[in-house]
Amino acid sequence: MAAEHPKRRTKTAKEMAEQLGISVRSVRNIIAEPRENFEARAAEKRTRARELRADGASYREIADELGISIGSVSSLLHAKQTTKAS
């Protein structure tokens, strides 16, 4: 199920559910990001992290640039490249 209004949210699903008087599951179904969008965004982040590292950036510099933790940088840099089978 694709999101009706796909965009990054600032509230948690629980906060939105309480505000709207509906279940957390209903909120997640409404705001879910389509899988293809998530995978494309994740691939871009991995590519950018690898480019920065190849240019000599430290994990801290990469983390600051991408707005993620140093641990996440490590995960991005060590993630295996996956390809979809047709």
C-alpha atoms as a PDB file:
ATOM      1  CA  MET A   1       0.000   0.000   0.000  1.00  0.00           C
ATOM      2  CA  ALA A   2       1.511   3.311  -1.038  1.00  0.00           C
ATOM      3  CA  ALA A   3       1.287   6.388   1.139  1.00  0.00           C
ATOM      4  CA  GLU A   4      -1.535   8.772   0.372  1.00  0.00           C
ATOM      5  CA  HIS A   5       0.695  11.756   1.161  1.00  0.00           C
ATOM      6  CA  PRO A   6       4.338  10.611   0.983  1.00  0.00           C
ATOM      7  CA  LYS A   7       6.740  12.921   2.824  1.00  0.00           C
ATOM      8  CA  ARG A   8       9.018  12.754   5.843  1.00  0.00           C
ATOM      9  CA  ARG A   9       7.147  13.194   9.125  1.00  0.00           C
ATOM     10  CA  THR A  10       8.133  15.036  12.299  1.00  0.00           C
ATOM     11  CA  LYS A  11       5.717  13.231  14.639  1.00  0.00           C
ATOM     12  CA  THR A  12       5.740   9.579  15.603  1.00  0.00           C
ATOM     13  CA  ALA A  13       2.923   7.291  14.518  1.00  0.00           C
ATOM     14  CA  LYS A  14       1.869   7.009  18.155  1.00  0.00           C
ATOM     15  CA  GLU A  15       1.628  10.799  18.537  1.00  0.00           C
ATOM     16  CA  MET A  16      -0.396  11.095  15.341  1.00  0.00           C
ATOM     17  CA  ALA A  17      -2.715   8.247  16.362  1.00  0.00           C
ATOM     18  CA  GLU A  18      -3.419   9.882  19.715  1.00  0.00           C
ATOM     19  CA  GLN A  19      -4.050  13.234  18.048  1.00  0.00           C
ATOM     20  CA  LEU A  20      -6.405  11.749  15.442  1.00  0.00           C
ATOM     21  CA  GLY A  21      -8.080   9.184  17.689  1.00  0.00           C
ATOM     22  CA  ILE A  22      -7.168   6.214  15.490  1.00  0.00           C
ATOM     23  CA  SER A  23      -4.859   3.220  15.859  1.00  0.00           C
ATOM     24  CA  VAL A  24      -1.109   3.348  15.340  1.00  0.00           C
ATOM     25  CA  ARG A  25      -1.468   0.703  12.624  1.00  0.00           C
ATOM     26  CA  SER A  26      -3.929   2.913  10.731  1.00  0.00           C
ATOM     27  CA  VAL A  27      -1.494   5.824  10.881  1.00  0.00           C
ATOM     28  CA  ARG A  28       1.353   3.644   9.614  1.00  0.00           C
ATOM     29  CA  ASN A  29      -0.780   2.411   6.720  1.00  0.00           C
ATOM     30  CA  ILE A  30      -1.674   5.976   5.747  1.00  0.00           C
ATOM     31  CA  ILE A  31       1.833   7.445   5.956  1.00  0.00           C
ATOM     32  CA  ALA A  32       3.900   4.467   4.796  1.00  0.00           C
ATOM     33  CA  GLU A  33       6.637   5.359   2.323  1.00  0.00           C
ATOM     34  CA  PRO A  34       6.518   3.232  -0.836  1.00  0.00           C
ATOM     35  CA  ARG A  35       9.251   0.580  -0.768  1.00  0.00           C
ATOM     36  CA  GLU A  36      10.751   1.759  -4.067  1.00  0.00           C
ATOM     37  CA  ASN A  37      11.181   5.288  -2.702  1.00  0.00           C
ATOM     38  CA  PHE A  38      12.807   4.009   0.496  1.00  0.00           C
ATOM     39  CA  GLU A  39      15.208   1.778  -1.416  1.00  0.00           C
ATOM     40  CA  ALA A  40      16.146   4.578  -3.842  1.00  0.00           C
ATOM     41  CA  ARG A  41      16.782   7.002  -0.978  1.00  0.00           C
ATOM     42  CA  ALA A  42      18.856   4.384   0.880  1.00  0.00           C
ATOM     43  CA  ALA A  43      20.913   3.647  -2.252  1.00  0.00           C
ATOM     44  CA  GLU A  44      21.620   7.364  -2.734  1.00  0.00           C
ATOM     45  CA  LYS A  45      22.750   7.657   0.882  1.00  0.00           C
ATOM     46  CA  ARG A  46      25.060   4.609   0.530  1.00  0.00           C
ATOM     47  CA  THR A  47      26.535   5.997  -2.686  1.00  0.00           C
ATOM     48  CA  ARG A  48      27.129   9.432  -1.150  1.00  0.00           C
ATOM     49  CA  ALA A  49      28.764   7.902   1.935  1.00  0.00           C
ATOM     50  CA  ARG A  50      31.100   5.832  -0.247  1.00  0.00           C
ATOM     51  CA  GLU A  51      31.965   8.870  -2.403  1.00  0.00           C
ATOM     52  CA  LEU A  52      32.817  10.946   0.670  1.00  0.00           C
ATOM     53  CA  ARG A  53      34.917   8.140   2.145  1.00  0.00           C
ATOM     54  CA  ALA A  54      36.778   7.703  -1.162  1.00  0.00           C
ATOM     55  CA  ASP A  55      37.543  11.431  -1.053  1.00  0.00           C
ATOM     56  CA  GLY A  56      39.147  10.946   2.376  1.00  0.00           C
ATOM     57  CA  ALA A  57      36.320  12.092   4.656  1.00  0.00           C
ATOM     58  CA  SER A  58      36.272  10.715   8.196  1.00  0.00           C
ATOM     59  CA  TYR A  59      33.283   8.839   9.577  1.00  0.00           C
ATOM     60  CA  ARG A  60      32.430  11.926  11.658  1.00  0.00           C
ATOM     61  CA  GLU A  61      32.508  14.180   8.570  1.00  0.00           C
ATOM     62  CA  ILE A  62      30.298  11.755   6.636  1.00  0.00           C
ATOM     63  CA  ALA A  63      27.884  11.504   9.569  1.00  0.00           C
ATOM     64  CA  ASP A  64      27.644  15.286   9.814  1.00  0.00           C
ATOM     65  CA  GLU A  65      27.086  15.688   6.068  1.00  0.00           C
ATOM     66  CA  LEU A  66      24.368  13.026   5.888  1.00  0.00           C
ATOM     67  CA  GLY A  67      22.778  13.867   9.245  1.00  0.00           C
ATOM     68  CA  ILE A  68      23.228  10.358  10.657  1.00  0.00           C
ATOM     69  CA  SER A  69      25.224   8.688  13.438  1.00  0.00           C
ATOM     70  CA  ILE A  70      28.767   7.374  13.071  1.00  0.00           C
ATOM     71  CA  GLY A  71      27.414   3.838  13.554  1.00  0.00           C
ATOM     72  CA  SER A  72      25.042   4.375  10.641  1.00  0.00           C
ATOM     73  CA  VAL A  73      27.975   5.531   8.503  1.00  0.00           C
ATOM     74  CA  SER A  74      29.756   2.285   9.305  1.00  0.00           C
ATOM     75  CA  SER A  75      26.652   0.305   8.316  1.00  0.00           C
ATOM     76  CA  LEU A  76      26.316   2.221   5.046  1.00  0.00           C
ATOM     77  CA  LEU A  77      29.953   1.720   4.119  1.00  0.00           C
ATOM     78  CA  HIS A  78      29.917  -1.991   4.906  1.00  0.00           C
ATOM     79  CA  ALA A  79      26.509  -2.795   3.397  1.00  0.00           C
ATOM     80  CA  LYS A  80      26.624  -5.203   0.502  1.00  0.00           C
ATOM     81  CA  GLN A  81      25.345  -3.942  -2.837  1.00  0.00           C
ATOM     82  CA  THR A  82      22.090  -5.686  -3.690  1.00  0.00           C
ATOM     83  CA  THR A  83      20.411  -5.834  -7.042  1.00  0.00           C
ATOM     84  CA  LYS A  84      16.858  -6.781  -7.868  1.00  0.00           C
ATOM     85  CA  ALA A  85      16.356  -9.779 -10.118  1.00  0.00           C
ATOM     86  CA  SER A  86      14.124  -9.112 -13.095  1.00  0.00           C
END
